[in-house]
Protein backbone atom coordinates (compact mmCIF):
# COMPACT_ATOMS: atom_id res chain seq x y z
CA UNK A 1 -66.33 2.04 2.33
CA UNK A 2 -69.03 -0.14 4.29
CA UNK A 3 -68.12 -1.24 7.70
CA UNK A 4 -68.24 -5.09 6.05
CA UNK A 5 -65.95 -4.04 3.04
CA UNK A 6 -63.48 -2.70 6.27
CA UNK A 7 -63.88 -5.98 8.20
CA UNK A 8 -63.02 -8.33 5.25
CA UNK A 9 -60.17 -5.51 3.93
CA UNK A 10 -58.97 -5.93 7.71
CA UNK A 11 -59.07 -9.68 7.67
CA UNK A 12 -57.30 -9.98 4.08
CA UNK A 13 -54.54 -7.59 5.47
CA UNK A 14 -54.04 -9.80 8.89
CA UNK A 15 -54.12 -13.10 6.71
CA UNK A 16 -51.30 -11.53 4.36
CA UNK A 17 -49.13 -10.18 7.36
CA UNK A 18 -49.06 -13.92 8.80
CA UNK A 19 -48.41 -15.68 5.79
CA UNK A 20 -45.41 -13.40 5.12
CA UNK A 21 -44.26 -13.53 8.13
CA UNK A 22 -44.29 -17.32 8.55
CA UNK A 23 -43.62 -18.44 4.76
CA UNK A 24 -41.50 -14.71 3.49
CA UNK A 25 -41.34 -13.53 0.23
CA UNK A 26 -42.30 -10.35 1.46
CA UNK A 27 -40.28 -8.80 -1.51
CA UNK A 28 -39.28 -10.22 -4.75
CA UNK A 29 -37.24 -8.92 -6.99
CA UNK A 30 -37.03 -9.10 -10.84
CA UNK A 31 -33.92 -11.02 -12.31
CA UNK A 32 -34.78 -10.85 -15.74
CA UNK A 33 -32.68 -7.88 -17.43
CA UNK A 34 -34.52 -5.36 -19.99
CA UNK A 35 -33.40 -5.02 -23.75
CA UNK A 36 -30.64 -2.02 -23.90
CA UNK A 37 -32.67 -0.59 -26.73
CA UNK A 38 -35.67 -0.36 -24.45
CA UNK A 39 -33.40 1.43 -21.90
CA UNK A 40 -31.83 3.61 -23.97
CA UNK A 41 -35.53 4.95 -25.74
CA UNK A 42 -36.55 5.39 -21.68
CA UNK A 43 -33.74 7.47 -21.32
CA UNK A 44 -33.23 9.51 -24.56
CA UNK A 45 -35.19 12.86 -23.42
CA UNK A 46 -33.87 12.49 -20.11
CA UNK A 47 -32.02 15.34 -18.55
CA UNK A 48 -28.20 15.66 -18.96
CA UNK A 49 -27.80 14.61 -15.16
CA UNK A 50 -30.43 11.63 -15.27
CA UNK A 51 -29.36 10.48 -18.22
CA UNK A 52 -25.42 10.54 -17.33
CA UNK A 53 -25.82 8.63 -14.39
CA UNK A 54 -28.28 6.10 -16.10
CA UNK A 55 -25.47 5.40 -18.74
CA UNK A 56 -23.17 5.15 -16.02
CA UNK A 57 -24.93 2.60 -13.91
CA UNK A 58 -25.64 0.60 -16.90
CA UNK A 59 -22.02 0.65 -17.57
CA UNK A 60 -21.20 -0.75 -13.71
CA UNK A 61 -24.09 -2.75 -13.67
CA UNK A 62 -25.42 -3.80 -17.16
CA UNK A 63 -28.99 -3.27 -17.91
CA UNK A 64 -31.37 -2.52 -15.55
CA UNK A 65 -34.31 -5.19 -14.32
CA UNK A 66 -36.68 -3.13 -14.29
CA UNK A 67 -38.05 0.55 -16.16
CA UNK A 68 -40.83 2.86 -16.36
CA UNK A 69 -41.19 6.23 -18.17
CA UNK A 70 -39.66 7.85 -14.95
CA UNK A 71 -36.95 5.09 -13.84
CA UNK A 72 -34.29 2.32 -13.86
CA UNK A 73 -34.03 -0.01 -11.28
CA UNK A 74 -31.48 -2.20 -10.52
CA UNK A 75 -31.86 -5.48 -7.66
CA UNK A 76 -29.03 -6.68 -5.97
CA UNK A 77 -26.25 -4.86 -7.93
CA UNK A 78 -23.40 -4.99 -6.62
CA UNK A 79 -23.39 -4.07 -2.36
CA UNK A 80 -26.85 -2.57 -3.09
CA UNK A 81 -30.35 -4.06 -2.38
CA UNK A 82 -32.01 -1.74 -4.74
CA UNK A 83 -30.76 1.34 -7.50
CA UNK A 84 -33.23 3.56 -9.15
CA UNK A 85 -32.34 6.05 -11.64
CA UNK A 86 -34.63 8.54 -11.24
CA UNK A 87 -35.84 10.97 -14.56
CA UNK A 88 -37.15 13.52 -12.27
CA UNK A 89 -34.24 15.61 -10.49
CA UNK A 90 -34.88 16.59 -6.64
CA UNK A 91 -32.55 19.96 -6.08
CA UNK A 92 -30.06 19.57 -3.21
CA UNK A 93 -28.05 22.30 -1.95
CA UNK A 94 -25.87 20.34 0.55
CA UNK A 95 -22.91 19.91 0.01
CA UNK A 96 -22.63 22.25 -2.95
CA UNK A 97 -25.45 22.47 -5.45
CA UNK A 98 -26.67 19.44 -7.43
CA UNK A 99 -29.88 16.94 -8.16
CA UNK A 100 -30.59 14.15 -6.69
CA UNK A 101 -31.23 11.38 -9.27
CA UNK A 102 -29.83 8.03 -8.09
CA UNK A 103 -30.84 6.35 -5.02
CA UNK A 104 -28.85 3.30 -3.73
CA UNK A 105 -30.57 1.33 -1.08
CA UNK A 106 -28.93 -1.24 1.93
CA UNK A 107 -30.84 -3.19 4.54
CA UNK A 108 -30.13 -1.19 8.02
CA UNK A 109 -32.21 -1.23 10.70
CA UNK A 110 -31.83 2.03 12.56
CA UNK A 111 -32.75 2.78 16.04
CA UNK A 112 -35.75 5.01 16.31
CA UNK A 113 -33.91 7.39 18.97
CA UNK A 114 -31.45 8.32 15.67
CA UNK A 115 -34.00 9.53 13.62
CA UNK A 116 -33.91 13.17 14.08
CA UNK A 117 -30.27 13.19 13.95
CA UNK A 118 -29.91 11.40 10.81
CA UNK A 119 -32.55 14.24 9.41
CA UNK A 120 -30.31 17.07 11.05
CA UNK A 121 -27.13 15.51 8.78
CA UNK A 122 -28.69 14.87 5.42
CA UNK A 123 -32.09 15.16 4.18
CA UNK A 124 -31.53 12.38 1.41
CA UNK A 125 -30.43 9.97 3.84
CA UNK A 126 -33.83 8.09 3.63
CA UNK A 127 -34.95 5.68 6.83
CA UNK A 128 -37.38 3.03 6.21
CA UNK A 129 -38.37 1.84 9.73
CA UNK A 130 -40.85 -0.69 8.90
CA UNK A 131 -38.85 -2.06 5.75
CA UNK A 132 -35.31 -2.45 7.46
CA UNK A 133 -33.52 -0.31 4.99
CA UNK A 134 -31.84 2.93 4.92
CA UNK A 135 -31.00 4.63 1.30
CA UNK A 136 -29.12 7.38 -0.13
CA UNK A 137 -30.16 9.94 -3.05
CA UNK A 138 -27.59 12.13 -4.41
CA UNK A 139 -26.07 13.23 -7.71
CA UNK A 140 -23.57 9.59 -7.98
CA UNK A 141 -22.90 6.65 -6.29
CA UNK A 142 -20.00 7.76 -4.35
CA UNK A 143 -21.37 10.61 -2.75
CA UNK A 144 -24.23 8.01 -1.89
CA UNK A 145 -21.36 5.42 -0.19
CA UNK A 146 -20.24 8.69 1.52
CA UNK A 147 -23.68 9.38 3.00
CA UNK A 148 -24.38 6.04 4.11
CA UNK A 149 -20.89 5.58 5.88
CA UNK A 150 -21.36 8.76 7.84
CA UNK A 151 -24.84 7.53 8.60
CA UNK A 152 -23.41 4.21 10.14
CA UNK A 153 -20.79 6.41 11.99
CA UNK A 154 -23.90 8.22 13.34
CA UNK A 155 -25.86 5.65 14.38
CA UNK A 156 -22.81 4.31 15.96
CA UNK A 157 -21.97 7.27 18.26
CA UNK A 158 -18.99 7.83 16.38
CA UNK A 159 -19.79 11.29 14.68
CA UNK A 160 -22.45 13.72 15.89
CA UNK A 161 -24.78 15.10 12.65
CA UNK A 162 -22.71 18.21 12.70
CA UNK A 163 -19.03 16.51 12.37
CA UNK A 164 -21.11 13.97 10.07
CA UNK A 165 -21.46 17.15 7.80
CA UNK A 166 -18.16 18.58 8.06
CA UNK A 167 -16.58 15.37 7.42
CA UNK A 168 -19.13 14.91 4.42
CA UNK A 169 -17.60 18.73 2.95
CA UNK A 170 -13.76 17.18 3.78
CA UNK A 171 -14.03 13.41 2.00
CA UNK A 172 -16.24 14.89 -0.76
CA UNK A 173 -13.54 17.75 -1.58
CA UNK A 174 -10.71 15.08 -1.31
CA UNK A 175 -12.62 12.82 -3.59
CA UNK A 176 -13.14 15.38 -6.63
CA UNK A 177 -9.32 15.94 -6.63
CA UNK A 178 -8.44 12.44 -6.72
CA UNK A 179 -7.28 11.62 -3.53
CA UNK A 180 -7.82 8.64 -1.44
CA UNK A 181 -10.90 8.84 -0.28
CA UNK A 182 -12.12 5.16 0.93
CA UNK A 183 -15.42 6.98 2.66
CA UNK A 184 -16.70 6.90 -0.98
CA UNK A 185 -15.42 4.47 -2.19
CA UNK A 186 -16.60 1.31 -0.25
CA UNK A 187 -18.71 1.08 2.21
CA UNK A 188 -16.97 0.41 5.61
CA UNK A 189 -19.44 -1.79 7.34
CA UNK A 190 -20.98 -5.16 6.66
CA UNK A 191 -24.23 -4.93 5.10
CA UNK A 192 -26.72 -8.12 5.36
CA UNK A 193 -28.14 -9.55 2.58
CA UNK A 194 -31.06 -10.32 4.52
CA UNK A 195 -34.13 -7.94 5.28
CA UNK A 196 -34.76 -7.05 8.62
CA UNK A 197 -38.29 -5.85 9.24
CA UNK A 198 -39.46 -3.78 12.08
CA UNK A 199 -43.37 -5.07 12.00
CA UNK A 200 -43.42 -3.09 15.73
CA UNK A 201 -46.49 -4.33 18.18
CA UNK A 202 -50.15 -5.18 17.89
CA UNK A 203 -52.20 -2.67 19.54
CA UNK A 204 -55.52 -2.05 17.40
CA UNK A 205 -57.06 -5.40 18.50
CA UNK A 206 -57.50 -4.05 22.05
CA UNK A 207 -58.69 -0.48 21.29
CA UNK A 208 -60.96 -2.31 18.54
CA UNK A 209 -62.60 -4.20 21.82
CA UNK A 210 -62.64 -1.25 23.71
CA UNK A 211 -64.64 0.75 21.23
CA UNK A 212 -66.91 -2.23 20.71
CA UNK A 213 -67.67 -2.43 24.18
CA UNK A 214 -68.36 1.00 24.38
CA UNK A 215 -70.78 1.23 21.04
CA UNK A 216 -72.86 -1.46 22.74
CA UNK A 217 -73.47 0.41 26.72
CA UNK A 218 -74.11 3.53 23.99
CA UNK A 219 -77.06 1.32 22.47
CA UNK A 220 -78.20 -0.19 25.48
CA UNK A 221 -78.44 3.60 27.10
CA UNK A 222 -80.33 4.57 23.84
CA UNK A 223 -82.86 1.47 24.26
CA UNK A 224 -83.24 1.90 27.77
CA UNK A 225 -84.37 5.59 27.18
C-alpha cells in the first residue's frame, strides 16, 4: 500500500471512529427472521450435536435472524446479546469430553488484570475487551450460563480459577441428574443491554509526530552530506 493510500485509510478510520462515538450505531442487529425451510436446508447435513443444538435453540427462541452455511445467528434472544450455533465443532475436554457448538454473548466489561484468571478457568470463556463483551462456548446453553456465572464470581473476587473449576464440575454433575442448579439455569447477575466499549487511549499521533521529526532530521543530514 502506497503512503498516500495509507494516510487516506487512516483518515477514513478516524472519521468512522468519530461518527460512531458521536452518533452511535457501532453494532446493528438484524430483526427479521429466516424462513424455517431455509434453516432446515442449512442444518440438514450438520453433525448430530450441532444439528441438535440448532433445533433446540429454534424451539426455544424461534427462527434465527441470520445464517450462513456454517452458522445460525440470533440477536437479543432471551438474556443474550447474541447467540451463534456453529456447524464446525470444537473438541473440548473440560469438565468432560464434548464439542463446543453454541456460543452465547453478553455485554460485560472485564478488568484486564482478570484476563489470565479467566483463561485459567475455562478456555471457552472468551473476553473481548474493546467490544465490552464476554461469551461462553459449549455444548448447550445451560453450560454457558454456568460458565458465565462463575466468570462473574472470578471477576468479583469471590472465587479463584481453581475454585471455579471445582464448582463447575459440582454444579454440572447436579444439573445432569436434575438436582436444583440455579447457576446453570439463569444468570445470577444483572446484564446491561447497552454496549460499553473500551476504546482505550490515543497514542499513535504522538508516535507519528516523533517518527516524522526523526525522518526530517535524517533527510536534513543526508542533504548536508
